[in-house]
């Protein structure tokens, strides 16, 4: 068994190396076709060290970043070749491929980066954070009550842009001796202002009730086992497909099945069921959604069913009927101090039972009224345009603070922040790879 496992790992590693080298060649060809970045154009950057599998974390910021770039040009710094190829094709703002430390430092020296945003906690973030005289700002990739949202790693950044009162209260329980008034800036959910931007719905306007089912992945430990595809999803979706009065939008997490093969099999079973239902009734227009754009689903669905994840709060920002799947694993940790203490749960059970619960919550005015309180608690004023204004206001504040500190330190020698160790490590890796 051990030899077989080692052999599989070796084959996978070899495939990954070949894929990486192929992607690097493609990136090199693409770069040769693209114009060089205009020097001193960008004051704001987004640092993204992950590969394609975590592109969803960056994509949700596309629309707010594109809007911000109308005032302040924004540059995405990507370290992985696969992500770079994807970004070259779809990013609404400019992109720099900085695989090596030398590439990163060249861009830093050619530009005047005052603010660097981070959407996740990748360990490579620290390669960027070694460079001072700029603000390193954590903006995350969603708002939720998952354990990830209360990590002490927040302290590593100069500032964090948070959603609202609930996020601050959650962090105050964990971050000791942290200046929240200064370093945690509430902005709401600027993505919500762009949920339906220039988007034509991929189904007709008819009498069907649209149900969004957007589960998360299975998680890599019992405490984070929030995924519902295997426990709820198959029976739930089959029941919805059978009614003839519902339209299902199924949007699973892109990592579904990476840890548990059975979870991946359940995901494929749902996709196949949707395909079969559409063949049987072409007017149904059920949707398996694995597209890059997230937002229209949240705004368009009459009722949404999501797991404990950032999707809870993405939908909450829309202020429409919402069900949360109750984790079947008793070891899954659930924050009972926030919205999840008062949310409407969907417990795993027979398809007919879960269908009845969906119909109940979709037409319950009391549930909608309760939802309104939590929308305010998590995001503040969700009037269209307000949260975008708060995001832009936070950026202007940080730029003004940069100017203030730059004036205080005017005339001082620039520090030598060349990453010698990082560069040597990369050279050693390339020599052995």
Protein backbone atom coordinates (compact mmCIF):
# COMPACT_ATOMS: atom_id res chain seq x y z
CA UNK A 1 0.00 0.00 0.00
CA UNK A 2 2.84 2.40 0.89
CA UNK A 3 4.68 1.75 -2.38
CA UNK A 4 1.49 2.33 -4.39
CA UNK A 5 0.84 5.58 -2.54
CA UNK A 6 4.39 6.77 -3.13
CA UNK A 7 4.13 5.86 -6.81
CA UNK A 8 0.88 7.80 -7.20
CA UNK A 9 2.42 10.81 -5.50
CA UNK A 10 5.47 10.63 -7.76
CA UNK A 11 3.29 10.47 -10.88
CA UNK A 12 1.19 13.39 -9.65
CA UNK A 13 4.32 15.42 -8.87
CA UNK A 14 5.76 14.72 -12.31
CA UNK A 15 2.49 15.78 -13.97
CA UNK A 16 2.40 18.97 -11.91
CA UNK A 17 5.98 19.83 -12.89
CA UNK A 18 5.24 19.25 -16.59
CA UNK A 19 2.03 21.29 -16.35
CA UNK A 20 3.86 24.13 -14.58
CA UNK A 21 6.61 24.23 -17.18
CA UNK A 22 4.07 24.21 -20.00
CA UNK A 23 2.16 27.06 -18.35
CA UNK A 24 5.39 29.03 -17.91
CA UNK A 25 6.14 28.70 -21.63
CA UNK A 26 2.63 29.91 -22.44
CA UNK A 27 3.01 32.86 -20.07
CA UNK A 28 6.32 33.78 -21.66
CA UNK A 29 4.67 33.82 -25.09
CA UNK A 30 1.78 35.92 -23.80
CA UNK A 31 4.12 38.40 -22.14
CA UNK A 32 5.96 38.88 -25.42
CA UNK A 33 2.67 40.04 -26.97
CA UNK A 34 1.71 42.41 -24.15
CA UNK A 35 3.01 45.98 -23.79
CA UNK A 36 5.30 46.75 -20.88
CA UNK A 37 3.70 48.31 -17.81
CA UNK A 38 3.79 52.08 -17.78
CA UNK A 39 6.26 53.16 -15.07
CA UNK A 40 4.90 54.95 -11.99
CA UNK A 41 1.30 54.37 -13.07
CA UNK A 42 0.05 52.27 -10.15
CA UNK A 43 -0.35 53.19 -6.51
CA UNK A 44 -2.60 50.24 -5.70
CA UNK A 45 -1.81 46.57 -6.18
CA UNK A 46 -3.46 43.25 -5.35
CA UNK A 47 -1.02 40.49 -4.44
CA UNK A 48 -2.13 36.98 -5.42
CA UNK A 49 0.28 34.08 -4.89
CA UNK A 50 -2.19 31.23 -5.44
CA UNK A 51 -2.83 29.11 -8.51
CA UNK A 52 -5.97 28.65 -10.58
CA UNK A 53 -7.79 26.58 -7.97
CA UNK A 54 -8.22 29.63 -5.72
CA UNK A 55 -9.02 32.16 -8.43
CA UNK A 56 -12.53 32.43 -6.99
CA UNK A 57 -11.01 34.41 -4.11
CA UNK A 58 -9.81 37.08 -6.50
CA UNK A 59 -12.67 37.01 -8.99
CA UNK A 60 -15.17 38.31 -6.47
CA UNK A 61 -13.13 41.51 -6.30
CA UNK A 62 -13.06 42.07 -10.08
CA UNK A 63 -16.02 44.47 -10.23
CA UNK A 64 -15.04 46.61 -7.20
CA UNK A 65 -11.44 46.77 -8.43
CA UNK A 66 -12.53 47.74 -11.93
CA UNK A 67 -14.66 50.53 -10.47
CA UNK A 68 -11.78 51.69 -8.25
CA UNK A 69 -9.38 51.68 -11.20
CA UNK A 70 -11.42 54.44 -12.84
CA UNK A 71 -9.98 56.70 -10.14
CA UNK A 72 -6.78 54.91 -9.16
CA UNK A 73 -5.26 52.36 -11.58
CA UNK A 74 -4.99 48.92 -10.00
CA UNK A 75 -2.36 46.27 -10.74
CA UNK A 76 -2.68 42.56 -9.88
CA UNK A 77 0.62 40.90 -8.95
CA UNK A 78 0.39 37.16 -9.66
CA UNK A 79 3.09 34.63 -8.73
CA UNK A 80 1.71 31.44 -10.36
CA UNK A 81 1.82 30.78 -14.11
CA UNK A 82 -1.58 29.08 -14.25
CA UNK A 83 -3.28 31.97 -12.48
CA UNK A 84 -1.40 34.43 -14.68
CA UNK A 85 -2.75 32.82 -17.87
CA UNK A 86 -6.28 33.02 -16.51
CA UNK A 87 -5.85 36.61 -15.39
CA UNK A 88 -4.46 37.65 -18.79
CA UNK A 89 -7.72 36.43 -20.30
CA UNK A 90 -10.30 37.71 -17.82
CA UNK A 91 -8.95 40.35 -15.43
CA UNK A 92 -10.67 43.74 -15.73
CA UNK A 93 -7.52 45.47 -14.42
CA UNK A 94 -3.86 45.23 -15.41
CA UNK A 95 -1.76 42.20 -14.47
CA UNK A 96 1.96 41.68 -13.76
CA UNK A 97 3.44 38.17 -13.66
CA UNK A 98 6.06 38.14 -10.90
CA UNK A 99 7.05 34.51 -10.50
CA UNK A 100 10.52 35.24 -9.13
CA UNK A 101 11.57 37.60 -6.37
CA UNK A 102 13.57 39.53 -8.97
CA UNK A 103 10.41 40.03 -11.04
CA UNK A 104 8.51 41.24 -7.99
CA UNK A 105 11.21 43.66 -6.96
CA UNK A 106 11.46 45.06 -10.49
CA UNK A 107 7.75 45.94 -10.46
CA UNK A 108 8.03 47.40 -6.96
CA UNK A 109 10.89 49.65 -8.04
CA UNK A 110 9.21 50.69 -11.30
CA UNK A 111 5.89 51.56 -9.66
CA UNK A 112 4.90 53.71 -6.68
CA UNK A 113 2.81 51.22 -4.76
CA UNK A 114 1.21 52.87 -1.73
CA UNK A 115 -1.38 50.17 -0.98
CA UNK A 116 -1.13 46.39 -1.45
CA UNK A 117 -4.32 44.36 -1.01
CA UNK A 118 -4.38 40.67 -0.02
CA UNK A 119 -7.40 38.41 -0.53
CA UNK A 120 -6.12 35.38 1.41
CA UNK A 121 -3.49 34.17 3.88
CA UNK A 122 -1.09 32.44 1.49
CA UNK A 123 2.32 31.96 3.14
CA UNK A 124 3.93 33.73 0.18
CA UNK A 125 2.21 36.93 1.27
CA UNK A 126 5.17 37.45 3.55
CA UNK A 127 7.49 37.70 0.56
CA UNK A 128 5.58 40.84 -0.41
CA UNK A 129 5.13 42.12 3.12
CA UNK A 130 8.89 42.46 3.65
CA UNK A 131 8.75 45.67 1.60
CA UNK A 132 7.96 48.62 3.85
CA UNK A 133 6.90 52.20 3.19
CA UNK A 134 3.54 51.07 1.89
CA UNK A 135 0.31 49.83 3.47
CA UNK A 136 -0.33 46.08 3.44
CA UNK A 137 -4.10 45.66 3.65
CA UNK A 138 -6.08 42.45 4.12
CA UNK A 139 -9.40 42.54 2.26
CA UNK A 140 -10.22 38.80 2.46
CA UNK A 141 -12.43 36.93 0.00
CA UNK A 142 -15.79 37.18 1.67
CA UNK A 143 -17.50 37.63 5.01
CA UNK A 144 -18.43 34.63 7.13
CA UNK A 145 -18.43 33.12 10.61
CA UNK A 146 -15.97 30.37 9.67
CA UNK A 147 -12.84 29.88 11.78
CA UNK A 148 -10.78 31.39 8.95
CA UNK A 149 -12.33 34.78 9.65
CA UNK A 150 -10.91 35.02 13.18
CA UNK A 151 -7.28 34.15 12.57
CA UNK A 152 -4.62 36.05 14.48
CA UNK A 153 -2.92 36.57 11.10
CA UNK A 154 -4.97 39.75 10.76
CA UNK A 155 -2.31 41.38 12.95
CA UNK A 156 0.33 40.87 10.27
CA UNK A 157 -1.28 43.55 8.09
CA UNK A 158 -1.22 47.30 8.59
CA UNK A 159 -4.97 47.47 8.05
CA UNK A 160 -7.93 45.21 7.35
CA UNK A 161 -11.05 46.18 5.44
CA UNK A 162 -13.94 44.41 7.16
CA UNK A 163 -17.62 44.17 6.36
CA UNK A 164 -19.22 45.68 9.45
CA UNK A 165 -20.15 45.41 13.12
CA UNK A 166 -20.43 41.61 13.13
CA UNK A 167 -16.93 41.18 11.72
CA UNK A 168 -15.48 43.50 14.33
CA UNK A 169 -17.29 41.77 17.19
CA UNK A 170 -16.03 38.41 15.95
CA UNK A 171 -12.44 39.60 15.74
CA UNK A 172 -12.54 41.36 19.11
CA UNK A 173 -12.93 37.97 20.77
CA UNK A 174 -9.65 36.75 19.30
CA UNK A 175 -7.28 39.62 18.54
CA UNK A 176 -5.71 40.87 21.75
CA UNK A 177 -4.24 44.37 21.95
CA UNK A 178 -5.38 45.26 18.43
CA UNK A 179 -6.34 48.84 17.58
CA UNK A 180 -9.68 48.19 15.91
CA UNK A 181 -10.63 51.85 15.61
CA UNK A 182 -7.56 52.51 13.50
CA UNK A 183 -6.73 49.24 11.76
CA UNK A 184 -10.15 47.62 11.06
CA UNK A 185 -12.06 49.75 8.56
CA UNK A 186 -15.69 48.76 7.86
CA UNK A 187 -16.76 49.02 4.21
CA UNK A 188 -19.77 46.71 3.85
CA UNK A 189 -19.90 44.44 0.82
CA UNK A 190 -18.95 46.44 -2.32
CA UNK A 191 -19.49 43.35 -4.49
CA UNK A 192 -23.22 43.61 -3.82
CA UNK A 193 -23.38 46.83 -5.85
CA UNK A 194 -22.32 44.80 -8.89
CA UNK A 195 -24.34 41.59 -8.57
CA UNK A 196 -26.31 42.21 -11.75
CA UNK A 197 -23.91 44.48 -13.65
CA UNK A 198 -24.64 44.19 -17.38
CA UNK A 199 -25.70 40.57 -17.00
CA UNK A 200 -28.46 38.88 -18.96
CA UNK A 201 -29.98 36.01 -16.99
CA UNK A 202 -29.40 32.61 -18.67
CA UNK A 203 -33.02 31.56 -18.38
CA UNK A 204 -36.40 32.99 -19.39
CA UNK A 205 -38.66 35.05 -17.16
CA UNK A 206 -41.50 32.69 -16.23
CA UNK A 207 -43.43 31.35 -13.23
CA UNK A 208 -40.75 29.00 -11.95
CA UNK A 209 -39.31 29.73 -8.53
CA UNK A 210 -35.54 30.02 -8.82
CA UNK A 211 -33.55 28.17 -6.14
CA UNK A 212 -29.83 28.70 -5.78
CA UNK A 213 -27.97 25.81 -4.16
CA UNK A 214 -24.36 26.83 -3.56
CA UNK A 215 -22.57 24.32 -1.30
CA UNK A 216 -18.98 24.56 -0.14
CA UNK A 217 -16.31 21.84 -0.37
CA UNK A 218 -15.97 19.02 2.13
CA UNK A 219 -13.21 20.65 4.16
CA UNK A 220 -9.89 19.17 5.24
CA UNK A 221 -10.77 18.50 8.90
CA UNK A 222 -13.84 17.57 10.90
CA UNK A 223 -14.12 20.99 12.56
CA UNK A 224 -14.55 22.57 9.12
CA UNK A 225 -16.77 19.87 7.59
CA UNK A 226 -19.44 22.28 6.38
CA UNK A 227 -19.99 20.81 2.91
CA UNK A 228 -23.50 19.45 2.28
CA UNK A 229 -23.30 17.93 -1.21
CA UNK A 230 -23.18 14.32 0.04
CA UNK A 231 -25.50 14.74 3.05
CA UNK A 232 -28.15 17.13 1.71
CA UNK A 233 -27.46 17.91 -1.90
CA UNK A 234 -28.34 14.83 -3.90
CA UNK A 235 -31.78 14.31 -2.30
CA UNK A 236 -32.51 18.04 -2.17
CA UNK A 237 -31.73 18.72 -5.82
CA UNK A 238 -33.56 15.63 -7.06
CA UNK A 239 -36.66 16.74 -5.14
CA UNK A 240 -36.48 20.26 -6.59
CA UNK A 241 -35.96 18.97 -10.13
CA UNK A 242 -39.05 16.75 -9.82
CA UNK A 243 -41.57 19.48 -8.93
CA UNK A 244 -41.85 21.17 -12.32
CA UNK A 245 -42.26 24.52 -10.55
CA UNK A 246 -38.66 25.16 -9.49
CA UNK A 247 -35.56 26.14 -11.43
CA UNK A 248 -32.28 25.04 -9.84
CA UNK A 249 -29.03 26.97 -10.09
CA UNK A 250 -26.35 24.63 -8.80
CA UNK A 251 -23.02 26.28 -8.02
CA UNK A 252 -20.68 23.98 -6.07
CA UNK A 253 -17.37 25.11 -4.65
CA UNK A 254 -14.59 24.50 -7.21
CA UNK A 255 -12.66 22.38 -4.69
CA UNK A 256 -15.54 19.95 -4.15
CA UNK A 257 -14.16 16.41 -4.02
CA UNK A 258 -10.46 17.25 -3.65
CA UNK A 259 -10.26 15.48 -0.28
CA UNK A 260 -13.13 12.98 -0.30
CA UNK A 261 -13.82 11.00 -3.53
CA UNK A 262 -17.35 10.20 -2.35
CA UNK A 263 -18.05 13.93 -2.06
CA UNK A 264 -16.83 14.41 -5.60
CA UNK A 265 -19.03 11.55 -6.78
CA UNK A 266 -22.09 13.14 -5.16
CA UNK A 267 -21.24 16.40 -6.91
CA UNK A 268 -21.10 14.64 -10.29
CA UNK A 269 -24.40 12.89 -9.52
CA UNK A 270 -26.12 16.26 -9.05
CA UNK A 271 -24.59 17.62 -12.27
CA UNK A 272 -25.80 14.55 -14.17
CA UNK A 273 -29.28 14.86 -12.66
CA UNK A 274 -29.52 18.48 -13.81
CA UNK A 275 -28.40 17.52 -17.30
CA UNK A 276 -31.00 14.73 -17.47
CA UNK A 277 -33.79 16.99 -16.17
CA UNK A 278 -33.06 19.55 -18.89
CA UNK A 279 -33.16 16.84 -21.57
CA UNK A 280 -36.49 15.61 -20.24
CA UNK A 281 -37.92 19.16 -20.06
CA UNK A 282 -35.98 21.73 -22.12
CA UNK A 283 -38.17 24.53 -20.77
CA UNK A 284 -36.85 23.92 -17.23
CA UNK A 285 -33.50 25.67 -17.83
CA UNK A 286 -31.89 24.24 -14.72
CA UNK A 287 -28.29 25.43 -14.47
CA UNK A 288 -25.02 23.88 -13.41
CA UNK A 289 -23.00 27.01 -12.85
CA UNK A 290 -19.19 26.85 -12.79
CA UNK A 291 -18.68 30.25 -14.39
CA UNK A 292 -16.22 32.89 -13.28
CA UNK A 293 -18.85 35.51 -12.46
CA UNK A 294 -20.44 35.37 -9.03
CA UNK A 295 -23.21 37.79 -8.15
CA UNK A 296 -26.13 37.42 -10.52
CA UNK A 297 -27.04 34.11 -8.88
CA UNK A 298 -27.25 35.75 -5.46
CA UNK A 299 -29.44 38.60 -6.65
CA UNK A 300 -31.68 36.64 -9.02
CA UNK A 301 -32.61 33.58 -6.94
CA UNK A 302 -35.95 33.65 -5.13
CA UNK A 303 -34.48 31.51 -2.35
CA UNK A 304 -30.90 30.44 -1.70
CA UNK A 305 -29.56 27.35 0.07
CA UNK A 306 -25.92 27.59 1.10
CA UNK A 307 -23.47 25.95 3.48
CA UNK A 308 -21.57 27.70 6.27
CA UNK A 309 -19.17 29.69 4.11
CA UNK A 310 -18.72 33.16 2.70
CA UNK A 311 -21.71 32.44 0.45
CA UNK A 312 -24.00 32.87 3.49
CA UNK A 313 -22.99 36.48 3.76
CA UNK A 314 -22.76 37.12 0.03
CA UNK A 315 -26.43 36.15 -0.14
CA UNK A 316 -27.27 37.93 3.12
CA UNK A 317 -26.13 41.17 1.47
CA UNK A 318 -28.91 40.67 -1.10
CA UNK A 319 -31.56 40.63 1.65
CA UNK A 320 -33.62 37.77 0.16
CA UNK A 321 -34.84 34.39 1.58
CA UNK A 322 -31.97 32.23 2.78
CA UNK A 323 -31.53 28.72 4.19
CA UNK A 324 -28.31 27.42 5.74
CA UNK A 325 -27.54 23.70 5.65
CA UNK A 326 -26.98 22.28 9.12
CA UNK A 327 -23.67 20.34 9.07
CA UNK A 328 -24.27 16.61 9.48
CA UNK A 329 -20.87 16.13 11.12
CA UNK A 330 -21.29 16.87 14.86
CA UNK A 331 -17.62 17.90 15.05
CA UNK A 332 -18.17 20.84 12.67
CA UNK A 333 -17.69 24.07 14.61
CA UNK A 334 -20.56 26.54 14.37
CA UNK A 335 -20.33 30.12 15.59
CA UNK A 336 -23.42 30.62 17.74
CA UNK A 337 -22.73 34.27 18.49
CA UNK A 338 -23.66 35.77 15.12
CA UNK A 339 -26.17 35.27 12.33
CA UNK A 340 -25.89 31.49 12.60
CA UNK A 341 -27.45 31.72 16.08
CA UNK A 342 -30.70 32.93 14.50
CA UNK A 343 -30.58 31.73 10.90
CA UNK A 344 -33.05 29.37 9.24
CA UNK A 345 -31.48 25.90 9.05
CA UNK A 346 -32.00 23.13 6.54
CA UNK A 347 -31.44 19.79 8.24
CA UNK A 348 -30.45 16.75 6.17
CA UNK A 349 -33.37 14.43 5.55
CA UNK A 350 -35.59 12.95 2.85
CA UNK A 351 -35.94 15.04 -0.28
CA UNK A 352 -39.62 15.72 0.32
CA UNK A 353 -38.95 17.04 3.83
CA UNK A 354 -36.22 19.39 2.65
CA UNK A 355 -38.39 20.54 -0.26
CA UNK A 356 -41.18 21.48 2.15
CA UNK A 357 -38.69 23.51 4.18
CA UNK A 358 -37.57 25.38 1.05
CA UNK A 359 -41.17 26.24 0.17
CA UNK A 360 -41.82 27.38 3.74
CA UNK A 361 -38.90 29.79 3.94
CA UNK A 362 -39.47 31.19 0.46
CA UNK A 363 -42.83 32.66 1.50
CA UNK A 364 -42.38 33.55 5.18
CA UNK A 365 -42.59 37.34 5.83
CA UNK A 366 -41.43 36.90 9.43
CA UNK A 367 -38.24 35.18 8.28
CA UNK A 368 -37.60 38.03 5.84
CA UNK A 369 -38.06 40.59 8.61
CA UNK A 370 -35.54 38.75 10.82
CA UNK A 371 -33.16 38.70 7.89
CA UNK A 372 -33.30 42.51 7.65
CA UNK A 373 -31.83 42.91 11.14
CA UNK A 374 -28.84 40.73 10.28
CA UNK A 375 -28.23 42.46 6.96
CA UNK A 376 -27.74 45.72 8.88
CA UNK A 377 -25.62 44.01 11.53
CA UNK A 378 -23.21 42.53 9.01
CA UNK A 379 -23.09 45.13 6.25
CA UNK A 380 -24.51 48.40 7.48
CA UNK A 381 -26.37 50.48 4.91
CA UNK A 382 -26.90 48.33 1.81
CA UNK A 383 -28.50 51.07 -0.25
CA UNK A 384 -27.06 50.69 -3.78
CA UNK A 385 -23.85 52.69 -4.11
CA UNK A 386 -23.24 53.26 -0.40
CA UNK A 387 -20.86 50.35 0.15
CA UNK A 388 -18.84 51.26 -2.96
CA UNK A 389 -18.51 54.79 -1.59
CA UNK A 390 -17.25 53.37 1.73
CA UNK A 391 -14.66 51.22 -0.07
CA UNK A 392 -13.42 54.20 -2.06
CA UNK A 393 -13.42 56.32 1.09
CA UNK A 394 -11.22 53.77 2.85
CA UNK A 395 -8.78 53.83 -0.06
CA UNK A 396 -8.62 57.63 -0.03
CA UNK A 397 -7.99 57.56 3.73
CA UNK A 398 -5.09 55.12 3.30
CA UNK A 399 -3.59 57.16 0.48
CA UNK A 400 -3.81 60.29 2.63
CA UNK A 401 -2.14 58.43 5.49
CA UNK A 402 0.63 57.34 3.13
CA UNK A 403 1.19 60.96 2.14
CA UNK A 404 1.29 61.97 5.80
CA UNK A 405 3.90 59.38 6.74
CA UNK A 406 5.92 60.00 3.58
CA UNK A 407 6.17 63.67 4.60
CA UNK A 408 7.24 62.71 8.12
CA UNK A 409 10.06 60.55 6.73
CA UNK A 410 11.06 62.80 3.84
CA UNK A 411 14.80 63.00 3.32
CA UNK A 412 15.55 59.66 4.96
CA UNK A 413 17.61 57.09 3.07
CA UNK A 414 15.66 54.33 1.34
CA UNK A 415 16.15 50.99 3.15
CA UNK A 416 17.81 48.15 1.26
CA UNK A 417 14.96 45.63 1.28
CA UNK A 418 16.30 43.32 -1.44
CA UNK A 419 15.20 39.75 -0.63
CA UNK A 420 18.53 37.96 -1.00
CA UNK A 421 17.38 34.81 0.81
CA UNK A 422 14.22 34.50 -1.27
CA UNK A 423 16.15 34.92 -4.50
CA UNK A 424 18.77 32.33 -3.49
CA UNK A 425 16.04 29.85 -2.51
CA UNK A 426 14.38 30.24 -5.90
CA UNK A 427 17.67 29.76 -7.73
CA UNK A 428 18.34 26.59 -5.73
CA UNK A 429 14.83 25.27 -6.47
CA UNK A 430 15.22 25.91 -10.20
CA UNK A 431 18.62 24.24 -10.22
CA UNK A 432 17.25 21.07 -8.57
CA UNK A 433 13.92 21.09 -10.45
